[in-house]
Amino acid sequence: MSRPRPLITTAVVLLLGSAAACGGAAVGGPRSGLAAAKERGTLLVANTQANPPWNFVDEQDRPAGYDVDVANEIARRLGIGKVKFVKSNYKSFIPGVQSGRYDIVISGQTITDERKKQVGFSRPYQVNGIAVFVAAGNTSIRSASDLRGHRIAVTAGTTQEQWVLANVPGAKVKTLQNATLSLTDVSLGREEAGLVSKFQGSYLAGKNNLKVKPVGPLLETEITGMSFGKSDTAMKTAVDEAIADMLADGTLSRISRTWLNGLDMAAELRKLPAQ
């Protein structure tokens, strides 16, 4: 004689069926970070807070920089009232997005094929790369092709140092501890050129009143975007639209000129091939 089926089994089946019908996490997939941010009224933005002029902590212990101003403007255009900046690092950005620790990363993250397998990316909002800096009055060095045989300052242990040694015959390379020292030597005429990130170099030059200028095209280019959940199409659509509007209405130009010693990031982005 068979025993009657426990009533709890039926209850569990009914409960699971109800969850599936309502689009539970197991059936409906991960929730959009955009929806979560709008519900809480705060956009959780990850950045390093240690990479001026992109993002750093100012004298009042507040997040500041290009990425911070861009993030605040993005949130405003998405209809989200507040931004909370979450300090993180490049190693933790992808796991943090995947776990939902933050909604979006706005921290100069280079778009690569490997990263695109793990997270979604916005359209580019920033381009970075190494530039040749010379003294403001220098007219003899106009690009990297003019560096042969010249005295060149670089930061020790960087790819710039490796690039000079591999590509500039006869270069007299001087290694220093940071980009500020390199640009100072160029400004004072101790060295004839320096290799520094174009936008960081321009920021440092303005901050320290160094009479230097970038010349020629970038030696290496890195295209960066904002990252979020890989399948978060709602976030991508909204953020891409906001970036496009900021490019069109001059907002991105204004922000970049503030932080990059007058350089126009929108103009740099327009030079890129269609993404």
Protein backbone atom coordinates (compact mmCIF):
# COMPACT_ATOMS: atom_id res chain seq x y z
CA MET A 1 0.00 0.00 0.00
CA SER A 2 1.52 3.32 -1.06
CA ARG A 3 1.95 6.13 1.43
CA PRO A 4 0.29 9.53 0.71
CA ARG A 5 2.64 12.16 -0.83
CA PRO A 6 3.63 14.83 1.74
CA LEU A 7 1.75 18.07 1.28
CA ILE A 8 5.01 20.07 1.49
CA THR A 9 6.09 18.74 -1.93
CA THR A 10 3.04 20.25 -3.57
CA ALA A 11 3.63 23.53 -1.78
CA VAL A 12 7.25 23.71 -2.97
CA VAL A 13 6.24 22.95 -6.54
CA LEU A 14 3.60 25.67 -6.45
CA LEU A 15 6.08 28.16 -4.95
CA LEU A 16 8.75 27.47 -7.58
CA GLY A 17 6.18 27.69 -10.35
CA SER A 18 5.01 31.04 -9.04
CA ALA A 19 8.60 32.38 -8.93
CA ALA A 20 9.23 31.28 -12.48
CA ALA A 21 6.03 32.87 -13.70
CA CYS A 22 7.06 36.14 -12.05
CA GLY A 23 10.46 36.19 -13.74
CA GLY A 24 12.68 35.17 -10.78
CA ALA A 25 16.48 35.48 -10.95
CA ALA A 26 16.92 31.89 -12.15
CA VAL A 27 14.65 32.47 -15.13
CA GLY A 28 14.84 36.19 -15.85
CA GLY A 29 18.66 36.55 -15.63
CA PRO A 30 20.65 39.28 -13.84
CA ARG A 31 18.97 42.56 -13.08
CA SER A 32 20.08 45.72 -14.86
CA GLY A 33 22.42 47.94 -12.85
CA LEU A 34 20.51 50.89 -14.27
CA ALA A 35 17.24 49.65 -12.78
CA ALA A 36 18.90 49.04 -9.41
CA ALA A 37 20.50 52.50 -9.40
CA LYS A 38 17.23 54.23 -10.25
CA GLU A 39 15.41 52.32 -7.54
CA ARG A 40 17.91 53.30 -4.83
CA GLY A 41 18.38 56.81 -6.26
CA THR A 42 22.15 56.45 -6.26
CA LEU A 43 24.58 55.36 -8.98
CA LEU A 44 27.44 53.29 -7.56
CA VAL A 45 30.57 54.21 -9.54
CA ALA A 46 33.93 52.48 -9.12
CA ASN A 47 37.21 54.33 -9.66
CA THR A 48 40.75 54.18 -8.29
CA GLN A 49 40.73 57.64 -6.63
CA ALA A 50 44.50 57.63 -7.23
CA ASN A 51 45.07 58.55 -10.86
CA PRO A 52 45.10 62.33 -11.47
CA PRO A 53 43.83 64.06 -13.50
CA TRP A 54 41.36 61.28 -14.24
CA ASN A 55 40.24 60.58 -10.68
CA PHE A 56 41.76 61.31 -7.29
CA VAL A 57 40.92 62.68 -3.82
CA ASP A 58 41.28 66.45 -3.46
CA GLU A 59 42.41 68.56 -0.48
CA GLN A 60 38.91 68.37 1.01
CA ASP A 61 39.04 64.55 0.83
CA ARG A 62 36.47 64.49 -1.99
CA PRO A 63 36.65 62.54 -5.26
CA ALA A 64 37.67 64.85 -8.09
CA GLY A 65 38.92 64.77 -11.69
CA TYR A 66 37.76 64.14 -15.23
CA ASP A 67 36.14 60.77 -14.47
CA VAL A 68 34.31 62.19 -11.45
CA ASP A 69 32.82 65.10 -13.38
CA VAL A 70 31.85 62.77 -16.22
CA ALA A 71 30.22 60.31 -13.78
CA ASN A 72 28.16 63.05 -12.13
CA GLU A 73 26.97 64.26 -15.53
CA ILE A 74 26.13 60.72 -16.68
CA ALA A 75 24.03 60.16 -13.53
CA ARG A 76 22.19 63.44 -14.06
CA ARG A 77 21.32 62.49 -17.64
CA LEU A 78 20.15 59.06 -16.52
CA GLY A 79 17.79 60.68 -14.04
CA ILE A 80 19.67 59.41 -10.97
CA GLY A 81 19.94 61.95 -8.15
CA LYS A 82 23.13 60.88 -6.39
CA VAL A 83 26.52 59.29 -7.16
CA LYS A 84 28.48 57.22 -4.67
CA PHE A 85 32.12 56.65 -5.64
CA VAL A 86 33.50 53.28 -4.59
CA LYS A 87 37.28 53.08 -4.29
CA SER A 88 38.61 50.07 -6.16
CA ASN A 89 41.44 49.07 -8.51
CA TYR A 90 41.94 47.62 -11.97
CA LYS A 91 42.30 44.09 -10.65
CA SER A 92 38.95 44.33 -8.85
CA PHE A 93 36.88 46.26 -11.41
CA ILE A 94 35.58 43.25 -13.35
CA PRO A 95 34.79 41.03 -10.31
CA GLY A 96 33.11 44.03 -8.69
CA VAL A 97 30.83 44.57 -11.68
CA GLN A 98 30.05 40.87 -11.92
CA SER A 99 29.14 40.63 -8.23
CA GLY A 100 27.04 43.81 -8.27
CA ARG A 101 29.29 45.66 -5.83
CA TYR A 102 28.89 48.69 -8.09
CA ASP A 103 26.73 49.55 -11.08
CA ILE A 104 29.42 50.91 -13.39
CA VAL A 105 33.17 51.53 -13.62
CA ILE A 106 34.20 55.01 -14.79
CA SER A 107 37.96 54.96 -14.35
CA GLY A 108 39.79 54.96 -17.66
CA GLN A 109 39.41 51.22 -18.25
CA THR A 110 40.95 50.27 -21.60
CA ILE A 111 38.55 48.39 -23.88
CA THR A 112 40.12 45.04 -24.80
CA ASP A 113 38.76 41.87 -26.38
CA GLU A 114 39.56 39.89 -23.25
CA ARG A 115 37.66 42.28 -20.99
CA LYS A 116 34.71 42.35 -23.38
CA LYS A 117 34.29 38.63 -22.77
CA GLN A 118 33.59 39.40 -19.10
CA VAL A 119 31.79 42.77 -18.95
CA GLY A 120 29.94 45.18 -21.19
CA PHE A 121 31.51 48.44 -22.34
CA SER A 122 30.09 51.79 -23.31
CA ARG A 123 31.19 53.67 -26.39
CA PRO A 124 34.57 55.39 -25.80
CA TYR A 125 34.54 58.41 -23.51
CA GLN A 126 38.27 58.86 -23.22
CA VAL A 127 41.40 58.18 -25.28
CA ASN A 128 44.85 58.10 -23.79
CA GLY A 129 48.38 57.50 -24.98
CA ILE A 130 52.01 58.49 -24.84
CA ALA A 131 53.06 61.82 -26.34
CA VAL A 132 56.33 63.63 -26.95
CA PHE A 133 56.64 66.75 -24.77
CA VAL A 134 59.10 69.53 -25.55
CA ALA A 135 59.76 72.99 -24.15
CA ALA A 136 57.14 75.54 -25.18
CA GLY A 137 59.57 77.39 -27.45
CA ASN A 138 61.02 74.30 -29.12
CA THR A 139 60.31 74.15 -32.88
CA SER A 140 62.93 71.60 -33.94
CA ILE A 141 61.17 68.54 -32.48
CA ARG A 142 57.71 68.12 -33.97
CA SER A 143 57.12 64.39 -33.57
CA ALA A 144 58.79 61.16 -32.49
CA SER A 145 60.60 60.98 -35.84
CA ASP A 146 62.70 63.99 -34.77
CA LEU A 147 63.98 62.40 -31.54
CA ARG A 148 67.03 60.64 -32.95
CA GLY A 149 70.17 61.58 -31.04
CA HIS A 150 68.37 63.85 -28.58
CA ARG A 151 68.28 63.83 -24.78
CA ILE A 152 65.01 62.27 -23.67
CA ALA A 153 63.49 62.06 -20.18
CA VAL A 154 61.27 59.11 -19.21
CA THR A 155 59.88 57.60 -16.03
CA ALA A 156 61.96 54.64 -14.85
CA GLY A 157 60.48 51.20 -15.48
CA THR A 158 57.73 52.35 -17.84
CA THR A 159 56.83 51.29 -21.35
CA GLN A 160 57.98 54.75 -22.48
CA GLU A 161 61.54 53.86 -21.49
CA GLN A 162 61.31 50.59 -23.41
CA TRP A 163 59.84 52.36 -26.43
CA VAL A 164 62.69 54.89 -26.64
CA LEU A 165 65.38 52.23 -26.36
CA ALA A 166 63.72 50.15 -29.09
CA ASN A 167 62.72 52.92 -31.51
CA VAL A 168 65.02 55.93 -31.20
CA PRO A 169 68.59 55.33 -32.43
CA GLY A 170 71.22 57.29 -30.58
CA ALA A 171 68.85 58.58 -27.92
CA LYS A 172 70.40 59.74 -24.67
CA VAL A 173 67.84 58.45 -22.20
CA LYS A 174 67.51 59.86 -18.69
CA THR A 175 65.24 57.98 -16.29
CA LEU A 176 63.48 59.80 -13.46
CA GLN A 177 61.11 58.72 -10.73
CA ASN A 178 57.93 60.27 -12.11
CA ALA A 179 56.39 62.28 -14.94
CA THR A 180 56.55 65.59 -13.04
CA LEU A 181 60.35 65.33 -12.78
CA SER A 182 60.62 64.44 -16.46
CA LEU A 183 58.56 67.44 -17.53
CA THR A 184 60.44 69.73 -15.16
CA ASP A 185 63.75 68.75 -16.77
CA VAL A 186 62.29 69.42 -20.22
CA SER A 187 60.88 72.77 -19.12
CA LEU A 188 64.27 73.83 -17.72
CA GLY A 189 66.16 72.67 -20.81
CA ARG A 190 68.03 69.88 -19.04
CA GLU A 191 66.48 67.41 -21.47
CA GLU A 192 65.21 68.08 -24.98
CA ALA A 193 62.09 65.94 -24.86
CA GLY A 194 60.06 63.79 -22.50
CA LEU A 195 57.67 60.91 -23.07
CA VAL A 196 54.57 61.13 -20.88
CA SER A 197 50.87 60.33 -21.12
CA LYS A 198 49.52 63.22 -23.18
CA PHE A 199 46.66 64.12 -20.89
CA GLN A 200 48.37 63.44 -17.59
CA GLY A 201 51.37 65.41 -18.85
CA SER A 202 49.19 68.35 -19.80
CA TYR A 203 47.53 68.28 -16.37
CA LEU A 204 50.88 68.18 -14.56
CA ALA A 205 52.25 70.98 -16.73
CA GLY A 206 49.33 73.22 -15.86
CA LYS A 207 49.37 72.35 -12.17
CA ASN A 208 53.12 73.00 -11.82
CA ASN A 209 53.37 75.89 -14.29
CA LEU A 210 55.79 74.00 -16.53
CA LYS A 211 56.36 75.56 -19.95
CA VAL A 212 56.06 72.44 -22.08
CA LYS A 213 53.78 71.25 -24.87
CA PRO A 214 52.86 67.92 -26.51
CA VAL A 215 53.82 67.55 -30.18
CA GLY A 216 52.93 65.08 -32.92
CA PRO A 217 50.57 62.11 -32.81
CA LEU A 218 50.31 59.72 -29.88
CA LEU A 219 52.97 57.01 -29.86
CA GLU A 220 50.55 54.49 -28.38
CA THR A 221 46.78 54.83 -28.09
CA GLU A 222 44.46 53.33 -25.49
CA ILE A 223 40.71 53.68 -25.97
CA THR A 224 38.74 53.55 -22.76
CA GLY A 225 35.11 53.01 -21.86
CA MET A 226 32.76 52.59 -18.93
CA SER A 227 32.09 48.99 -17.92
CA PHE A 228 29.01 47.29 -16.46
CA GLY A 229 27.29 43.91 -16.55
CA LYS A 230 28.00 42.02 -19.75
CA SER A 231 24.33 41.54 -20.66
CA ASP A 232 23.13 44.88 -19.27
CA THR A 233 21.76 46.29 -22.52
CA ALA A 234 19.59 48.85 -20.69
CA MET A 235 22.67 50.38 -19.06
CA LYS A 236 24.66 50.36 -22.31
CA THR A 237 21.89 52.00 -24.33
CA ALA A 238 21.33 54.75 -21.76
CA VAL A 239 25.03 55.46 -21.13
CA ASP A 240 25.94 55.46 -24.83
CA GLU A 241 23.17 57.97 -25.49
CA ALA A 242 24.37 60.18 -22.62
CA ILE A 243 27.97 60.13 -23.88
CA ALA A 244 26.84 60.96 -27.42
CA ASP A 245 24.84 63.92 -26.12
CA MET A 246 27.81 65.13 -24.05
CA LEU A 247 30.00 65.00 -27.15
CA ALA A 248 27.43 66.88 -29.23
CA ASP A 249 26.53 69.64 -26.77
CA GLY A 250 30.08 70.50 -25.68
CA THR A 251 29.88 69.11 -22.14
CA LEU A 252 32.73 66.65 -22.64
CA SER A 253 34.87 69.39 -24.15
CA ARG A 254 34.22 71.64 -21.16
CA ILE A 255 35.05 68.93 -18.61
CA SER A 256 38.24 67.90 -20.37
CA ARG A 257 39.48 71.45 -20.80
CA THR A 258 39.04 71.93 -17.05
CA TRP A 259 41.16 68.92 -16.12
CA LEU A 260 43.52 68.48 -19.07
CA ASN A 261 45.10 71.92 -19.26
CA GLY A 262 42.85 73.08 -22.09
CA LEU A 263 42.90 69.92 -24.22
CA ASP A 264 39.63 68.86 -25.83
CA MET A 265 38.82 65.17 -25.32
CA ALA A 266 35.83 65.39 -27.66
CA ALA A 267 38.14 66.38 -30.51
CA GLU A 268 40.39 63.39 -29.73
CA LEU A 269 37.42 61.02 -29.69
CA ARG A 270 36.19 62.28 -33.06
CA LYS A 271 39.50 61.18 -34.60
CA LEU A 272 38.79 57.53 -33.72
CA PRO A 273 37.33 55.15 -36.29
CA ALA A 274 33.69 54.22 -35.75
CA GLN A 275 33.36 51.84 -32.81
